[in-house]
């Protein structure tokens, strides 16, 4: 595993999505609840990737100034 924050965010998303789907498969959650949970995790992943991209952009800008 790398130290890239995006990689960690993707791994966290996959773990949480798998957990939500497992709960559905076992009958602990209905389809609507499962989709809502996965949608929340997609939104969290998107926000994390955007934050990571913004941090990379700031770092590149500061490197260019040097």
PDB file of N, CA and C in Angstrom:
ATOM      1  N   UNK A   1       0.845  -1.180   0.000  1.00  0.00           N
ATOM      2  CA  UNK A   1       0.000   0.000   0.000  1.00  0.00           C
ATOM      3  C   UNK A   1       0.884   1.234   0.000  1.00  0.00           C
ATOM      4  N   UNK A   2       0.442   2.275  -0.706  1.00  0.00           N
ATOM      5  CA  UNK A   2       1.211   3.507  -0.769  1.00  0.00           C
ATOM      6  C   UNK A   2       0.709   4.490   0.271  1.00  0.00           C
ATOM      7  N   UNK A   3       1.405   5.612   0.360  1.00  0.00           N
ATOM      8  CA  UNK A   3       1.022   6.654   1.301  1.00  0.00           C
ATOM      9  C   UNK A   3       0.074   7.658   0.672  1.00  0.00           C
ATOM     10  N   UNK A   4      -0.334   7.443  -0.561  1.00  0.00           N
ATOM     11  CA  UNK A   4      -1.223   8.368  -1.259  1.00  0.00           C
ATOM     12  C   UNK A   4      -2.584   8.402  -0.567  1.00  0.00           C
ATOM     13  N   UNK A   5      -3.040   9.606  -0.166  1.00  0.00           N
ATOM     14  CA  UNK A   5      -4.347   9.699   0.511  1.00  0.00           C
ATOM     15  C   UNK A   5      -5.499   9.181  -0.348  1.00  0.00           C
ATOM     16  N   UNK A   6      -5.396   9.324  -1.662  1.00  0.00           N
ATOM     17  CA  UNK A   6      -6.451   8.824  -2.546  1.00  0.00           C
ATOM     18  C   UNK A   6      -6.544   7.301  -2.475  1.00  0.00           C
ATOM     19  N   UNK A   7      -5.390   6.641  -2.393  1.00  0.00           N
ATOM     20  CA  UNK A   7      -5.392   5.178  -2.283  1.00  0.00           C
ATOM     21  C   UNK A   7      -6.083   4.741  -0.998  1.00  0.00           C
ATOM     22  N   UNK A   8      -5.796   5.435   0.091  1.00  0.00           N
ATOM     23  CA  UNK A   8      -6.431   5.109   1.373  1.00  0.00           C
ATOM     24  C   UNK A   8      -7.931   5.346   1.302  1.00  0.00           C
ATOM     25  N   UNK A   9      -8.341   6.427   0.631  1.00  0.00           N
ATOM     26  CA  UNK A   9      -9.765   6.732   0.505  1.00  0.00           C
ATOM     27  C   UNK A   9     -10.483   5.672  -0.322  1.00  0.00           C
ATOM     28  N   UNK A  10      -9.843   5.212  -1.384  1.00  0.00           N
ATOM     29  CA  UNK A  10     -10.439   4.167  -2.225  1.00  0.00           C
ATOM     30  C   UNK A  10     -10.549   2.868  -1.442  1.00  0.00           C
ATOM     31  N   UNK A  11      -9.507   2.532  -0.708  1.00  0.00           N
ATOM     32  CA  UNK A  11      -9.533   1.302   0.090  1.00  0.00           C
ATOM     33  C   UNK A  11     -10.642   1.369   1.142  1.00  0.00           C
ATOM     34  N   UNK A  12     -10.774   2.527   1.801  1.00  0.00           N
ATOM     35  CA  UNK A  12     -11.826   2.712   2.805  1.00  0.00           C
ATOM     36  C   UNK A  12     -13.209   2.589   2.152  1.00  0.00           C
ATOM     37  N   UNK A  13     -13.378   3.195   0.967  1.00  0.00           N
ATOM     38  CA  UNK A  13     -14.647   3.096   0.249  1.00  0.00           C
ATOM     39  C   UNK A  13     -14.979   1.643  -0.066  1.00  0.00           C
ATOM     40  N   UNK A  14     -14.012   0.927  -0.604  1.00  0.00           N
ATOM     41  CA  UNK A  14     -14.266  -0.470  -0.985  1.00  0.00           C
ATOM     42  C   UNK A  14     -14.650  -1.314   0.227  1.00  0.00           C
ATOM     43  N   UNK A  15     -13.972  -1.099   1.345  1.00  0.00           N
ATOM     44  CA  UNK A  15     -14.300  -1.843   2.568  1.00  0.00           C
ATOM     45  C   UNK A  15     -15.727  -1.537   3.034  1.00  0.00           C
ATOM     46  N   UNK A  16     -16.077  -0.253   3.020  1.00  0.00           N
ATOM     47  CA  UNK A  16     -17.408   0.141   3.498  1.00  0.00           C
ATOM     48  C   UNK A  16     -18.506  -0.304   2.546  1.00  0.00           C
ATOM     49  N   UNK A  17     -18.237  -0.213   1.242  1.00  0.00           N
ATOM     50  CA  UNK A  17     -19.232  -0.662   0.268  1.00  0.00           C
ATOM     51  C   UNK A  17     -19.446  -2.169   0.383  1.00  0.00           C
ATOM     52  N   UNK A  18     -18.365  -2.904   0.535  1.00  0.00           N
ATOM     53  CA  UNK A  18     -18.478  -4.354   0.696  1.00  0.00           C
ATOM     54  C   UNK A  18     -19.269  -4.697   1.956  1.00  0.00           C
ATOM     55  N   UNK A  19     -19.030  -3.970   3.026  1.00  0.00           N
ATOM     56  CA  UNK A  19     -19.754  -4.204   4.275  1.00  0.00           C
ATOM     57  C   UNK A  19     -21.254  -3.940   4.093  1.00  0.00           C
ATOM     58  N   UNK A  20     -21.587  -2.862   3.392  1.00  0.00           N
ATOM     59  CA  UNK A  20     -22.998  -2.545   3.140  1.00  0.00           C
ATOM     60  C   UNK A  20     -23.650  -3.638   2.299  1.00  0.00           C
ATOM     61  N   UNK A  21     -22.945  -4.099   1.282  1.00  0.00           N
ATOM     62  CA  UNK A  21     -23.497  -5.154   0.432  1.00  0.00           C
ATOM     63  C   UNK A  21     -23.627  -6.477   1.183  1.00  0.00           C
ATOM     64  N   UNK A  22     -22.676  -6.761   2.058  1.00  0.00           N
ATOM     65  CA  UNK A  22     -22.766  -7.968   2.880  1.00  0.00           C
ATOM     66  C   UNK A  22     -23.990  -7.914   3.792  1.00  0.00           C
ATOM     67  N   UNK A  23     -24.240  -6.745   4.381  1.00  0.00           N
ATOM     68  CA  UNK A  23     -25.423  -6.582   5.240  1.00  0.00           C
ATOM     69  C   UNK A  23     -26.698  -6.822   4.444  1.00  0.00           C
ATOM     70  N   UNK A  24     -26.717  -6.336   3.221  1.00  0.00           N
ATOM     71  CA  UNK A  24     -27.879  -6.561   2.354  1.00  0.00           C
ATOM     72  C   UNK A  24     -28.023  -8.049   2.036  1.00  0.00           C
ATOM     73  N   UNK A  25     -26.917  -8.678   1.641  1.00  0.00           N
ATOM     74  CA  UNK A  25     -26.955 -10.100   1.281  1.00  0.00           C
ATOM     75  C   UNK A  25     -27.432 -10.977   2.435  1.00  0.00           C
ATOM     76  N   UNK A  26     -27.102 -10.567   3.660  1.00  0.00           N
ATOM     77  CA  UNK A  26     -27.491 -11.342   4.834  1.00  0.00           C
ATOM     78  C   UNK A  26     -28.888 -10.988   5.334  1.00  0.00           C
ATOM     79  N   UNK A  27     -29.524 -10.025   4.686  1.00  0.00           N
ATOM     80  CA  UNK A  27     -30.893  -9.662   5.049  1.00  0.00           C
ATOM     81  C   UNK A  27     -31.002  -8.648   6.164  1.00  0.00           C
ATOM     82  N   UNK A  28     -29.884  -8.016   6.544  1.00  0.00           N
ATOM     83  CA  UNK A  28     -29.911  -7.036   7.633  1.00  0.00           C
ATOM     84  C   UNK A  28     -30.332  -5.643   7.165  1.00  0.00           C
ATOM     85  N   UNK A  29     -30.278  -5.399   5.855  1.00  0.00           N
ATOM     86  CA  UNK A  29     -30.645  -4.090   5.309  1.00  0.00           C
ATOM     87  C   UNK A  29     -31.428  -4.306   4.027  1.00  0.00           C
ATOM     88  N   UNK A  30     -32.359  -3.383   3.749  1.00  0.00           N
ATOM     89  CA  UNK A  30     -33.088  -3.492   2.488  1.00  0.00           C
ATOM     90  C   UNK A  30     -32.324  -2.756   1.384  1.00  0.00           C
ATOM     91  N   UNK A  31     -32.820  -2.884   0.171  1.00  0.00           N
ATOM     92  CA  UNK A  31     -32.119  -2.316  -0.990  1.00  0.00           C
ATOM     93  C   UNK A  31     -31.990  -0.804  -0.891  1.00  0.00           C
ATOM     94  N   UNK A  32     -33.054  -0.115  -0.474  1.00  0.00           N
ATOM     95  CA  UNK A  32     -33.004   1.338  -0.379  1.00  0.00           C
ATOM     96  C   UNK A  32     -31.958   1.801   0.628  1.00  0.00           C
ATOM     97  N   UNK A  33     -31.907   1.155   1.765  1.00  0.00           N
ATOM     98  CA  UNK A  33     -30.922   1.515   2.788  1.00  0.00           C
ATOM     99  C   UNK A  33     -29.506   1.234   2.292  1.00  0.00           C
ATOM    100  N   UNK A  34     -29.330   0.131   1.595  1.00  0.00           N
ATOM    101  CA  UNK A  34     -28.014  -0.221   1.083  1.00  0.00           C
ATOM    102  C   UNK A  34     -27.548   0.796   0.050  1.00  0.00           C
ATOM    103  N   UNK A  35     -28.442   1.173  -0.863  1.00  0.00           N
ATOM    104  CA  UNK A  35     -28.078   2.174  -1.866  1.00  0.00           C
ATOM    105  C   UNK A  35     -27.778   3.522  -1.226  1.00  0.00           C
ATOM    106  N   UNK A  36     -28.540   3.906  -0.230  1.00  0.00           N
ATOM    107  CA  UNK A  36     -28.293   5.168   0.468  1.00  0.00           C
ATOM    108  C   UNK A  36     -26.928   5.139   1.149  1.00  0.00           C
ATOM    109  N   UNK A  37     -26.598   4.018   1.752  1.00  0.00           N
ATOM    110  CA  UNK A  37     -25.297   3.880   2.417  1.00  0.00           C
ATOM    111  C   UNK A  37     -24.163   3.965   1.401  1.00  0.00           C
ATOM    112  N   UNK A  38     -24.309   3.261   0.300  1.00  0.00           N
ATOM    113  CA  UNK A  38     -23.257   3.281  -0.718  1.00  0.00           C
ATOM    114  C   UNK A  38     -23.149   4.671  -1.338  1.00  0.00           C
ATOM    115  N   UNK A  39     -24.268   5.337  -1.556  1.00  0.00           N
ATOM    116  CA  UNK A  39     -24.233   6.705  -2.097  1.00  0.00           C
ATOM    117  C   UNK A  39     -23.468   7.636  -1.149  1.00  0.00           C
ATOM    118  N   UNK A  40     -23.688   7.478   0.150  1.00  0.00           N
ATOM    119  CA  UNK A  40     -22.959   8.274   1.134  1.00  0.00           C
ATOM    120  C   UNK A  40     -21.459   8.010   1.028  1.00  0.00           C
ATOM    121  N   UNK A  41     -21.098   6.747   0.887  1.00  0.00           N
ATOM    122  CA  UNK A  41     -19.680   6.396   0.768  1.00  0.00           C
ATOM    123  C   UNK A  41     -19.083   6.933  -0.529  1.00  0.00           C
ATOM    124  N   UNK A  42     -19.846   6.943  -1.620  1.00  0.00           N
ATOM    125  CA  UNK A  42     -19.374   7.521  -2.881  1.00  0.00           C
ATOM    126  C   UNK A  42     -19.121   9.014  -2.695  1.00  0.00           C
ATOM    127  N   UNK A  43     -20.042   9.697  -2.032  1.00  0.00           N
ATOM    128  CA  UNK A  43     -19.872  11.133  -1.779  1.00  0.00           C
ATOM    129  C   UNK A  43     -18.633  11.403  -0.934  1.00  0.00           C
ATOM    130  N   UNK A  44     -18.407  10.576   0.088  1.00  0.00           N
ATOM    131  CA  UNK A  44     -17.224  10.726   0.936  1.00  0.00           C
ATOM    132  C   UNK A  44     -15.949  10.497   0.130  1.00  0.00           C
ATOM    133  N   UNK A  45     -15.972   9.497  -0.742  1.00  0.00           N
ATOM    134  CA  UNK A  45     -14.817   9.213  -1.588  1.00  0.00           C
ATOM    135  C   UNK A  45     -14.543  10.388  -2.524  1.00  0.00           C
ATOM    136  N   UNK A  46     -15.582  10.909  -3.146  1.00  0.00           N
ATOM    137  CA  UNK A  46     -15.418  12.039  -4.053  1.00  0.00           C
ATOM    138  C   UNK A  46     -14.836  13.248  -3.323  1.00  0.00           C
ATOM    139  N   UNK A  47     -15.331  13.525  -2.127  1.00  0.00           N
ATOM    140  CA  UNK A  47     -14.820  14.656  -1.345  1.00  0.00           C
ATOM    141  C   UNK A  47     -13.354  14.442  -0.978  1.00  0.00           C
ATOM    142  N   UNK A  48     -13.004  13.226  -0.617  1.00  0.00           N
ATOM    143  CA  UNK A  48     -11.626  12.926  -0.250  1.00  0.00           C
ATOM    144  C   UNK A  48     -10.693  13.094  -1.443  1.00  0.00           C
ATOM    145  N   UNK A  49     -11.121  12.638  -2.603  1.00  0.00           N
ATOM    146  CA  UNK A  49     -10.296  12.768  -3.809  1.00  0.00           C
ATOM    147  C   UNK A  49     -10.156  14.240  -4.185  1.00  0.00           C
ATOM    148  N   UNK A  50     -11.239  15.007  -4.071  1.00  0.00           N
ATOM    149  CA  UNK A  50     -11.176  16.438  -4.363  1.00  0.00           C
ATOM    150  C   UNK A  50     -10.223  17.141  -3.403  1.00  0.00           C
ATOM    151  N   UNK A  51     -10.291  16.803  -2.115  1.00  0.00           N
ATOM    152  CA  UNK A  51      -9.390  17.396  -1.125  1.00  0.00           C
ATOM    153  C   UNK A  51      -7.947  17.049  -1.449  1.00  0.00           C
ATOM    154  N   UNK A  52      -7.714  15.806  -1.822  1.00  0.00           N
ATOM    155  CA  UNK A  52      -6.365  15.359  -2.160  1.00  0.00           C
ATOM    156  C   UNK A  52      -5.850  16.100  -3.393  1.00  0.00           C
ATOM    157  N   UNK A  53      -6.715  16.301  -4.379  1.00  0.00           N
ATOM    158  CA  UNK A  53      -6.332  17.019  -5.589  1.00  0.00           C
ATOM    159  C   UNK A  53      -6.023  18.475  -5.276  1.00  0.00           C
ATOM    160  N   UNK A  54      -6.817  19.079  -4.404  1.00  0.00           N
ATOM    161  CA  UNK A  54      -6.586  20.474  -4.024  1.00  0.00           C
ATOM    162  C   UNK A  54      -5.258  20.612  -3.288  1.00  0.00           C
ATOM    163  N   UNK A  55      -4.949  19.663  -2.397  1.00  0.00           N
ATOM    164  CA  UNK A  55      -3.674  19.694  -1.678  1.00  0.00           C
ATOM    165  C   UNK A  55      -2.511  19.519  -2.641  1.00  0.00           C
ATOM    166  N   UNK A  56      -2.657  18.635  -3.626  1.00  0.00           N
ATOM    167  CA  UNK A  56      -1.602  18.431  -4.617  1.00  0.00           C
ATOM    168  C   UNK A  56      -1.395  19.693  -5.437  1.00  0.00           C
ATOM    169  N   UNK A  57      -2.477  20.367  -5.773  1.00  0.00           N
ATOM    170  CA  UNK A  57      -2.402  21.591  -6.553  1.00  0.00           C
ATOM    171  C   UNK A  57      -1.678  22.683  -5.783  1.00  0.00           C
ATOM    172  N   UNK A  58      -1.968  22.808  -4.492  1.00  0.00           N
ATOM    173  CA  UNK A  58      -1.304  23.802  -3.653  1.00  0.00           C
ATOM    174  C   UNK A  58       0.181  23.479  -3.544  1.00  0.00           C
ATOM    175  N   UNK A  59       0.507  22.212  -3.377  1.00  0.00           N
ATOM    176  CA  UNK A  59       1.908  21.801  -3.283  1.00  0.00           C
ATOM    177  C   UNK A  59       2.651  22.097  -4.582  1.00  0.00           C
ATOM    178  N   UNK A  60       2.019  21.853  -5.711  1.00  0.00           N
ATOM    179  CA  UNK A  60       2.648  22.130  -7.001  1.00  0.00           C
ATOM    180  C   UNK A  60       2.844  23.625  -7.184  1.00  0.00           C
ATOM    181  N   UNK A  61       1.880  24.431  -6.757  1.00  0.00           N
ATOM    182  CA  UNK A  61       1.999  25.884  -6.861  1.00  0.00           C
ATOM    183  C   UNK A  61       3.152  26.399  -6.016  1.00  0.00           C
ATOM    184  N   UNK A  62       3.307  25.880  -4.807  1.00  0.00           N
ATOM    185  CA  UNK A  62       4.389  26.338  -3.944  1.00  0.00           C
ATOM    186  C   UNK A  62       5.743  25.883  -4.477  1.00  0.00           C
ATOM    187  N   UNK A  63       5.797  24.709  -5.114  1.00  0.00           N
ATOM    188  CA  UNK A  63       7.042  24.241  -5.733  1.00  0.00           C
ATOM    189  C   UNK A  63       7.421  25.128  -6.914  1.00  0.00           C
ATOM    190  N   UNK A  64       6.442  25.593  -7.664  1.00  0.00           N
ATOM    191  CA  UNK A  64       6.697  26.429  -8.827  1.00  0.00           C
ATOM    192  C   UNK A  64       7.221  27.798  -8.410  1.00  0.00           C
ATOM    193  N   UNK A  65       6.843  28.273  -7.235  1.00  0.00           N
ATOM    194  CA  UNK A  65       7.278  29.580  -6.756  1.00  0.00           C
ATOM    195  C   UNK A  65       8.728  29.561  -6.305  1.00  0.00           C
ATOM    196  N   UNK A  66       9.245  28.402  -5.954  1.00  0.00           N
ATOM    197  CA  UNK A  66      10.609  28.304  -5.433  1.00  0.00           C
ATOM    198  C   UNK A  66      11.610  28.411  -6.493  1.00  0.00           C
TER     199      UNK A  66
END
